[in-house]
Amino acid sequence: MKTGFAWWIRAWRWIRCGGFNGSLQRFLMWEVVVDERGGRPPAPRDARVRFWQGVRDGLGRWDAEAAAGLNWRVQRWFTEAGGVKGNGPGPVSGRYLSLAEREEIAVGLAARKPLRAIARELGRPVSTVSREVARNSSGAGSYRATAAQYRAEVRARRPKTAKLAGNEELRGWVQGKLAVKWSPEQISVALKAEFPGRAEMRVSHETIYQSLYVQGRGALRRELAVSLRTGRALRKPRRASAERRGRIPGMVLISERPAEVADRAVPGHWEGDLIIGTPNSTAIGTLVERSTRFVLLLHLPAGRGAVAVTAAMTAAMGTLPAQLRRSLTWDQGIEMMTHAQISMATGMEIYFCDPHSPWQRGSNENTNGLLRQYFPRGTNLAVHSPEHLEAVAAELNSRPRKTLGWKTPAQALEEVLAADAA
């Protein structure tokens, strides 16, 4: 089918060119391009640049396509790029020198201009021009634009052996940590501490993401993508929507919370909420300590009503020393209708966030996102036993956190308790 379509296009082009009296050379050049592209000429480079720039600027795939004036291949480009913004086919961003820029460099060098002057005229850093001349000059030290362009294109050809594909030890270590739901950034930082002095055991978190997401770069097992926090097949922006809640009598708003809670300097201030399952009556209570990010999970087999939440929270907080029971910040959910009883039983002051303001419980929102790796949306949360909840909390509390200087929440809590005991 493609062959027949390409033949018809060639014949139509031949007629428009004036048959044998037309420009045969231009026709043959165009024909080769059609054959290589399965019946369609390649998209212009500037159109590809506009498309990926639109994606980087936050446009959706179809909006970026319309802005670039394209109407084909966009779905294939996006799939091959794994949804990674700007990871389009070939060097199409302003990051790479073009042939025109290399010609300007060659002219400037022939005129014996300083590299800084050439870089200033191009609007490029001088390091970019210096590196270009050093990499792509001939053996005699001369710089020719077309030869430099050819060398750069050869160097950029793919596929190349990915670092994770060519290092079995590194790949196994990364896959082991992904299997226990470490994030790529946690893995990248931990490698430096685990293998000091071994440069071959280094990999960036972006390389790990691309090995999971980008077609043709899959050095890691594709199914490990479900171990990531989102579990998505493509990378895309996360969107959250606030939940409308009713008012609770006697509640104290977050605006009245003491300053010591906000600066996280004093331990014992907690944030909490529920993650909801299917049916809507199933839930798990989540509590996170603001300074150490230590997590407690509440088992709610009797549902998510105020009585069940009060009983579970009182029991959980009762296991903590008094210095770790200072305050609790919660969303305006009806499960906290009996907050006065919780406050009386635990000795904690309870504050409520403003409506539609989940960022006021930032640590808890982040924790709930992590917990969705273990308790996916749309599942029945009543099937999980207290022992399973304890195991999940222990796993989260043993994962290094960037905000703690790559200490684990358990280590941070131990340091707090040791300081109080000293």
Protein backbone atom coordinates (compact mmCIF):
# COMPACT_ATOMS: atom_id res chain seq x y z
CA MET A 1 0.00 0.00 0.00
CA LYS A 2 2.79 2.39 0.96
CA THR A 3 4.65 1.56 -2.25
CA GLY A 4 1.59 2.37 -4.37
CA PHE A 5 1.01 5.65 -2.56
CA ALA A 6 4.65 6.66 -2.95
CA TRP A 7 4.53 5.84 -6.68
CA TRP A 8 1.43 8.03 -7.17
CA ILE A 9 3.09 10.92 -5.35
CA ARG A 10 6.22 10.57 -7.50
CA ALA A 11 4.15 10.58 -10.67
CA TRP A 12 2.24 13.69 -9.57
CA ARG A 13 5.49 15.42 -8.70
CA TRP A 14 6.95 14.43 -12.08
CA ILE A 15 4.00 16.05 -13.89
CA ARG A 16 4.30 19.25 -11.84
CA CYS A 17 8.02 19.40 -12.58
CA GLY A 18 7.24 19.39 -16.33
CA GLY A 19 7.94 15.76 -17.06
CA PHE A 20 11.36 15.07 -18.57
CA ASN A 21 11.82 18.76 -19.32
CA GLY A 22 11.60 19.66 -15.64
CA SER A 23 14.24 19.67 -12.99
CA LEU A 24 15.13 15.97 -12.85
CA GLN A 25 17.70 16.45 -10.16
CA ARG A 26 15.27 18.07 -7.72
CA PHE A 27 12.70 15.39 -8.44
CA LEU A 28 15.13 12.54 -7.76
CA MET A 29 16.28 14.14 -4.50
CA TRP A 30 12.68 14.49 -3.36
CA GLU A 31 11.92 10.91 -4.44
CA VAL A 32 14.67 9.49 -2.21
CA VAL A 33 13.23 11.31 0.78
CA VAL A 34 9.76 9.97 0.05
CA ASP A 35 11.06 6.40 -0.17
CA GLU A 36 12.87 6.68 3.16
CA ARG A 37 9.83 8.12 4.93
CA GLY A 38 7.29 5.60 3.65
CA GLY A 39 5.47 8.05 1.34
CA ARG A 40 5.86 11.31 3.30
CA PRO A 41 8.68 13.84 3.33
CA PRO A 42 10.31 14.51 6.71
CA ALA A 43 8.91 17.27 8.89
CA PRO A 44 10.98 20.47 8.66
CA ARG A 45 13.46 20.90 11.45
CA ASP A 46 11.99 24.23 12.57
CA ALA A 47 8.56 22.59 12.88
CA ARG A 48 10.02 19.87 15.10
CA VAL A 49 11.72 22.56 17.18
CA ARG A 50 8.40 24.39 17.62
CA PHE A 51 6.61 21.17 18.59
CA TRP A 52 9.02 20.15 21.34
CA GLN A 53 9.32 23.74 22.56
CA GLY A 54 5.54 23.78 22.93
CA VAL A 55 5.68 20.56 24.96
CA ARG A 56 8.39 22.03 27.20
CA ASP A 57 6.23 25.15 27.67
CA GLY A 58 3.39 23.02 29.02
CA LEU A 59 1.17 22.56 25.96
CA GLY A 60 -0.63 19.29 25.43
CA ARG A 61 0.44 17.05 22.59
CA TRP A 62 -2.31 18.18 20.22
CA ASP A 63 -1.93 21.88 21.11
CA ALA A 64 1.82 21.66 20.52
CA GLU A 65 1.15 19.96 17.18
CA ALA A 66 -1.23 22.74 16.10
CA ALA A 67 1.19 25.45 17.22
CA ALA A 68 3.95 23.85 15.15
CA GLY A 69 1.71 23.50 12.08
CA LEU A 70 2.05 19.71 12.06
CA ASN A 71 -0.54 17.03 11.48
CA TRP A 72 1.43 13.77 11.36
CA ARG A 73 3.98 11.68 13.26
CA VAL A 74 3.39 13.56 16.50
CA GLN A 75 1.89 10.52 18.24
CA ARG A 76 4.90 8.42 17.20
CA TRP A 77 7.38 11.07 18.35
CA PHE A 78 5.69 11.36 21.71
CA THR A 79 5.56 7.59 22.23
CA GLU A 80 9.19 7.10 21.24
CA ALA A 81 10.19 9.88 23.64
CA GLY A 82 8.38 8.18 26.52
CA GLY A 83 6.52 11.38 27.33
CA VAL A 84 9.80 13.01 28.38
CA LYS A 85 9.53 16.67 27.53
CA GLY A 86 11.98 17.77 24.88
CA ASN A 87 13.24 14.24 24.27
CA GLY A 88 12.27 14.40 20.62
CA PRO A 89 13.84 12.53 17.71
CA GLY A 90 17.18 14.05 16.84
CA PRO A 91 18.82 17.27 17.98
CA VAL A 92 15.98 19.77 17.61
CA SER A 93 16.45 22.06 20.61
CA GLY A 94 18.51 25.21 20.91
CA ARG A 95 21.00 23.26 22.96
CA TYR A 96 22.77 22.01 19.81
CA LEU A 97 24.80 24.06 17.36
CA SER A 98 23.31 24.25 13.88
CA LEU A 99 25.19 24.13 10.57
CA ALA A 100 24.61 27.89 10.18
CA GLU A 101 26.21 28.53 13.56
CA ARG A 102 29.16 26.33 12.66
CA GLU A 103 29.60 28.33 9.47
CA GLU A 104 29.72 31.53 11.54
CA ILE A 105 32.36 29.94 13.76
CA ALA A 106 34.43 28.98 10.71
CA VAL A 107 34.18 32.52 9.30
CA GLY A 108 35.15 34.02 12.67
CA LEU A 109 38.16 31.73 13.03
CA ALA A 110 39.29 32.54 9.48
CA ALA A 111 39.13 36.25 10.40
CA ARG A 112 41.20 35.45 13.52
CA LYS A 113 38.49 36.67 15.87
CA PRO A 114 38.77 35.69 19.55
CA LEU A 115 36.48 32.86 20.68
CA ARG A 116 34.75 35.24 23.09
CA ALA A 117 33.84 37.57 20.23
CA ILE A 118 32.47 34.67 18.14
CA ALA A 119 30.46 33.39 21.10
CA ARG A 120 29.06 36.86 21.75
CA GLU A 121 27.91 37.19 18.13
CA LEU A 122 26.23 33.78 18.29
CA GLY A 123 24.66 34.40 21.68
CA ARG A 124 26.34 31.25 23.00
CA PRO A 125 28.58 30.68 26.04
CA VAL A 126 32.24 30.86 25.15
CA SER A 127 32.67 27.35 26.59
CA THR A 128 30.28 26.02 23.93
CA VAL A 129 32.32 27.55 21.11
CA SER A 130 35.63 26.48 22.64
CA ARG A 131 34.43 22.90 23.06
CA GLU A 132 33.05 22.84 19.52
CA VAL A 133 36.38 23.95 18.02
CA ALA A 134 38.36 21.47 20.12
CA ARG A 135 36.08 18.54 19.28
CA ASN A 136 35.43 19.06 15.61
CA SER A 137 38.60 20.59 14.16
CA SER A 138 40.59 18.50 11.70
CA GLY A 139 43.96 16.96 12.51
CA ALA A 140 45.75 19.97 11.01
CA GLY A 141 43.93 22.29 13.43
CA SER A 142 41.66 23.82 10.79
CA TYR A 143 37.92 24.11 11.35
CA ARG A 144 35.45 23.54 8.51
CA ALA A 145 31.71 23.87 9.14
CA THR A 146 30.51 20.96 7.00
CA ALA A 147 33.14 18.59 8.39
CA ALA A 148 32.30 19.70 11.94
CA GLN A 149 28.60 19.12 11.32
CA TYR A 150 29.32 15.63 10.02
CA ARG A 151 31.47 14.76 13.05
CA ALA A 152 28.78 16.01 15.43
CA GLU A 153 26.08 13.99 13.69
CA VAL A 154 28.19 10.83 13.77
CA ARG A 155 28.88 11.34 17.46
CA ALA A 156 25.17 11.81 18.17
CA ARG A 157 24.02 8.71 16.31
CA ARG A 158 21.93 6.22 18.21
CA PRO A 159 21.53 3.62 19.46
CA LYS A 160 24.48 3.60 21.80
CA THR A 161 24.95 1.17 24.64
CA ALA A 162 23.27 2.75 27.65
CA LYS A 163 25.25 2.82 30.88
CA LEU A 164 22.73 0.61 32.67
CA ALA A 165 22.66 -1.82 29.75
CA GLY A 166 26.44 -2.21 29.68
CA ASN A 167 27.04 -2.60 33.44
CA GLU A 168 25.36 -5.67 34.90
CA GLU A 169 26.37 -4.91 38.49
CA LEU A 170 25.01 -1.37 38.34
CA ARG A 171 21.81 -2.48 36.63
CA GLY A 172 21.17 -5.18 39.23
CA TRP A 173 21.71 -2.75 42.12
CA VAL A 174 19.33 -0.17 40.61
CA GLN A 175 16.66 -2.77 39.84
CA GLY A 176 16.89 -4.09 43.40
CA LYS A 177 16.18 -0.65 44.86
CA LEU A 178 13.38 0.06 42.38
CA ALA A 179 11.77 -3.22 43.43
CA VAL A 180 11.49 -1.92 47.01
CA LYS A 181 10.08 1.38 45.70
CA TRP A 182 13.10 3.67 46.08
CA SER A 183 12.86 6.71 43.85
CA PRO A 184 15.46 7.20 41.07
CA GLU A 185 16.90 10.21 42.91
CA GLN A 186 17.28 8.22 46.15
CA ILE A 187 19.07 5.50 44.19
CA SER A 188 21.41 7.96 42.46
CA VAL A 189 22.49 9.53 45.75
CA ALA A 190 22.84 6.19 47.56
CA LEU A 191 25.16 4.84 44.85
CA LYS A 192 27.77 7.49 45.72
CA ALA A 193 27.80 6.41 49.36
CA GLU A 194 27.64 2.68 48.61
CA PHE A 195 30.43 2.63 46.00
CA PRO A 196 32.91 5.42 46.80
CA GLY A 197 35.74 5.76 44.31
CA ARG A 198 33.98 3.74 41.62
CA ALA A 199 32.93 6.06 38.82
CA GLU A 200 31.40 3.19 36.85
CA MET A 201 28.80 2.77 39.63
CA ARG A 202 27.30 6.21 39.13
CA VAL A 203 24.08 6.96 37.32
CA SER A 204 21.83 10.02 37.36
CA HIS A 205 18.18 9.82 38.29
CA GLU A 206 17.24 11.10 34.81
CA THR A 207 19.10 8.18 33.21
CA ILE A 208 17.09 5.78 35.37
CA TYR A 209 13.83 7.46 34.34
CA GLN A 210 14.74 7.29 30.66
CA SER A 211 15.75 3.64 30.94
CA LEU A 212 12.23 2.94 32.18
CA TYR A 213 10.24 5.26 29.94
CA VAL A 214 11.98 5.97 26.65
CA GLN A 215 11.57 3.54 23.77
CA GLY A 216 14.94 2.16 22.73
CA ARG A 217 16.60 3.12 26.04
CA GLY A 218 15.03 0.35 28.11
CA ALA A 219 18.02 -1.05 29.98
CA LEU A 220 15.78 -1.67 33.01
CA ARG A 221 12.84 -4.05 33.14
CA ARG A 222 9.77 -2.19 31.91
CA GLU A 223 7.54 -3.63 34.64
CA LEU A 224 9.61 -1.80 37.26
CA ALA A 225 7.86 1.41 36.20
CA VAL A 226 4.93 0.34 38.38
CA SER A 227 7.28 0.55 41.38
CA LEU A 228 7.65 4.28 40.83
CA ARG A 229 5.45 6.57 42.83
CA THR A 230 3.08 7.29 39.93
CA GLY A 231 3.23 3.88 38.22
CA ARG A 232 2.59 5.62 34.90
CA ALA A 233 3.63 4.36 31.47
CA LEU A 234 4.48 7.92 30.36
CA ARG A 235 5.79 10.89 32.29
CA LYS A 236 3.29 13.72 32.49
CA PRO A 237 2.37 16.55 34.87
CA ARG A 238 0.53 15.61 38.00
CA ARG A 239 -2.74 17.36 38.68
CA ALA A 240 -4.47 17.32 42.05
CA SER A 241 -7.94 18.53 42.93
CA ALA A 242 -9.05 19.70 46.34
CA GLU A 243 -11.92 18.02 48.11
CA ARG A 244 -14.87 20.01 49.45
CA ARG A 245 -15.48 19.35 53.12
CA GLY A 246 -18.09 20.44 55.66
CA ARG A 247 -17.36 22.67 58.64
CA ILE A 248 -16.54 21.17 62.02
CA PRO A 249 -17.78 22.78 65.25
CA GLY A 250 -15.14 24.17 67.58
CA MET A 251 -12.23 23.81 65.16
CA VAL A 252 -9.12 26.00 65.41
CA LEU A 253 -7.77 27.08 62.02
CA ILE A 254 -4.16 26.77 60.92
CA SER A 255 -3.72 30.55 61.04
CA GLU A 256 -3.73 30.26 64.83
CA ARG A 257 -1.06 27.59 64.91
CA PRO A 258 2.14 28.59 66.77
CA ALA A 259 5.20 29.62 64.76
CA GLU A 260 7.25 26.72 66.17
CA VAL A 261 5.06 24.33 64.18
CA ALA A 262 5.74 26.05 60.89
CA ASP A 263 9.55 26.12 61.14
CA ARG A 264 9.81 22.37 61.93
CA ALA A 265 12.51 23.08 64.53
CA VAL A 266 10.62 21.38 67.38
CA PRO A 267 9.60 17.72 66.97
CA GLY A 268 6.21 16.39 67.97
CA HIS A 269 4.01 18.25 65.47
CA TRP A 270 2.08 15.96 63.15
CA GLU A 271 0.02 16.19 59.96
CA GLY A 272 -2.74 13.72 59.12
CA ASP A 273 -5.43 12.70 56.66
CA LEU A 274 -7.16 9.64 55.22
CA ILE A 275 -6.51 7.80 51.98
CA ILE A 276 -9.78 6.45 50.63
CA GLY A 277 -10.41 3.11 48.94
CA THR A 278 -13.28 1.35 47.20
CA PRO A 279 -15.99 1.35 48.39
CA ASN A 280 -15.74 4.86 49.84
CA SER A 281 -16.21 3.52 53.34
CA THR A 282 -12.76 1.89 53.38
CA ALA A 283 -9.81 4.03 54.41
CA ILE A 284 -6.41 4.12 56.09
CA GLY A 285 -5.37 6.94 58.40
CA THR A 286 -1.99 8.52 57.73
CA LEU A 287 0.11 10.51 60.21
CA VAL A 288 3.52 12.06 59.51
CA GLU A 289 5.76 13.93 61.95
CA ARG A 290 6.78 17.26 60.42
CA SER A 291 10.44 17.46 61.47
CA THR A 292 11.47 13.79 60.99
CA ARG A 293 8.85 12.68 58.37
CA PHE A 294 8.22 9.60 60.52
CA VAL A 295 5.01 7.82 59.41
CA LEU A 296 2.27 6.09 61.40
CA LEU A 297 -0.67 4.32 59.74
CA LEU A 298 -4.10 3.91 61.35
CA HIS A 299 -5.97 0.65 60.85
CA LEU A 300 -9.69 1.42 60.30
CA PRO A 301 -11.52 -1.91 59.87
CA ALA A 302 -14.79 -0.40 61.10
CA GLY A 303 -14.84 2.33 58.45
CA ARG A 304 -13.81 5.96 58.39
CA GLY A 305 -16.36 7.49 60.69
CA ALA A 306 -15.44 9.86 63.50
CA VAL A 307 -15.73 7.19 66.22
CA ALA A 308 -13.40 4.75 64.40
CA VAL A 309 -10.83 7.44 63.61
CA THR A 310 -10.87 8.75 67.19
CA ALA A 311 -10.26 5.29 68.62
CA ALA A 312 -7.46 4.43 66.18
CA MET A 313 -5.68 7.77 66.58
CA THR A 314 -5.88 7.72 70.38
CA ALA A 315 -4.38 4.22 70.44
CA ALA A 316 -1.58 5.11 68.00
CA MET A 317 -0.61 8.35 69.71
CA GLY A 318 -0.72 6.69 73.10
CA THR A 319 2.38 4.68 72.16
CA LEU A 320 4.48 7.85 71.73
CA PRO A 321 6.39 9.74 74.44
CA ALA A 322 4.91 13.05 75.56
CA GLN A 323 7.55 15.14 73.73
CA LEU A 324 6.32 13.70 70.44
CA ARG A 325 2.68 14.64 71.11
CA ARG A 326 2.47 18.40 70.67
CA SER A 327 0.02 19.16 67.84
CA LEU A 328 -1.86 17.69 64.89
CA THR A 329 -2.86 19.46 61.66
CA TRP A 330 -5.73 17.85 59.72
CA ASP A 331 -7.97 18.59 56.78
CA GLN A 332 -11.57 19.70 57.37
CA GLY A 333 -13.01 16.18 57.15
CA ILE A 334 -16.07 14.98 59.06
CA GLU A 335 -13.95 12.15 60.49
CA MET A 336 -12.60 14.79 62.90
CA MET A 337 -16.00 15.77 64.32
CA THR A 338 -14.85 14.43 67.72
CA HIS A 339 -11.48 16.19 67.65
CA ALA A 340 -12.03 17.47 71.21
CA GLN A 341 -11.96 13.88 72.49
CA ILE A 342 -8.70 13.18 70.62
CA SER A 343 -7.14 16.32 72.02
CA MET A 344 -8.21 15.44 75.57
CA ALA A 345 -6.94 11.85 75.31
CA THR A 346 -3.58 12.64 73.72
CA GLY A 347 -2.80 16.10 75.04
CA MET A 348 -2.32 17.39 71.48
CA GLU A 349 -3.59 20.66 70.09
CA ILE A 350 -5.51 20.08 66.84
CA TYR A 351 -5.52 22.61 63.99
CA PHE A 352 -7.47 22.52 60.74
CA CYS A 353 -6.34 23.59 57.27
CA ASP A 354 -8.21 26.11 55.18
CA PRO A 355 -10.66 24.66 52.60
CA HIS A 356 -9.08 23.53 49.34
CA SER A 357 -5.54 24.04 50.69
CA PRO A 358 -3.77 20.65 50.68
CA TRP A 359 -0.34 22.35 50.52
CA GLN A 360 -0.86 23.38 54.16
CA ARG A 361 -0.25 19.71 54.96
CA GLY A 362 2.64 19.34 52.54
CA SER A 363 4.45 16.53 54.36
CA ASN A 364 1.27 14.51 54.68
CA GLU A 365 0.29 15.05 51.04
CA ASN A 366 3.72 13.82 49.97
CA THR A 367 3.42 10.78 52.24
CA ASN A 368 -0.02 9.94 50.88
CA GLY A 369 1.44 9.99 47.39
CA LEU A 370 4.13 7.53 48.47
CA LEU A 371 1.52 5.30 50.10
CA ARG A 372 -0.41 4.99 46.86
CA GLN A 373 2.44 2.77 45.65
CA TYR A 374 1.28 0.26 48.26
CA PHE A 375 -2.45 1.04 48.33
CA PRO A 376 -3.54 1.96 44.76
CA ARG A 377 -6.61 4.04 44.11
CA GLY A 378 -9.78 2.12 43.49
CA THR A 379 -8.85 -0.83 45.72
CA ASN A 380 -10.47 -2.11 48.90
CA LEU A 381 -8.34 -0.86 51.79
CA ALA A 382 -10.21 -2.92 54.39
CA VAL A 383 -8.36 -6.08 53.35
CA HIS A 384 -5.04 -4.89 54.80
CA SER A 385 -4.18 -6.20 58.26
CA PRO A 386 -2.57 -4.13 61.06
CA GLU A 387 0.62 -6.14 60.54
CA HIS A 388 0.72 -5.21 56.87
CA LEU A 389 0.23 -1.53 57.69
CA GLU A 390 3.10 -1.71 60.19
CA ALA A 391 5.34 -3.32 57.55
CA VAL A 392 4.51 -0.60 55.01
CA ALA A 393 5.18 2.15 57.55
CA ALA A 394 8.49 0.51 58.49
CA GLU A 395 9.52 0.37 54.84
CA LEU A 396 8.74 4.06 54.34
CA ASN A 397 10.56 4.98 57.54
CA SER A 398 13.69 3.16 56.36
CA ARG A 399 13.92 4.95 52.98
CA PRO A 400 16.41 7.85 52.78
CA ARG A 401 14.84 11.28 52.29
CA LYS A 402 16.41 14.20 50.46
CA THR A 403 14.83 16.71 52.83
CA LEU A 404 16.56 14.97 55.77
CA GLY A 405 20.00 15.09 54.17
CA TRP A 406 19.43 11.52 52.95
CA LYS A 407 18.88 10.17 56.44
CA THR A 408 15.90 7.90 56.99
CA PRO A 409 12.91 9.05 59.09
CA ALA A 410 13.70 6.28 61.58
CA GLN A 411 17.25 7.60 62.00
CA ALA A 412 15.99 11.17 62.40
CA LEU A 413 13.50 10.08 65.07
CA GLU A 414 16.19 8.14 66.94
CA GLU A 415 18.37 11.26 67.01
CA VAL A 416 15.49 13.30 68.43
CA LEU A 417 14.79 10.78 71.17
CA ALA A 418 18.50 10.46 71.99
CA ALA A 419 18.82 14.24 72.30
CA ASP A 420 15.85 14.41 74.67
CA ALA A 421 17.27 11.59 76.80
CA ALA A 422 20.73 13.24 77.08
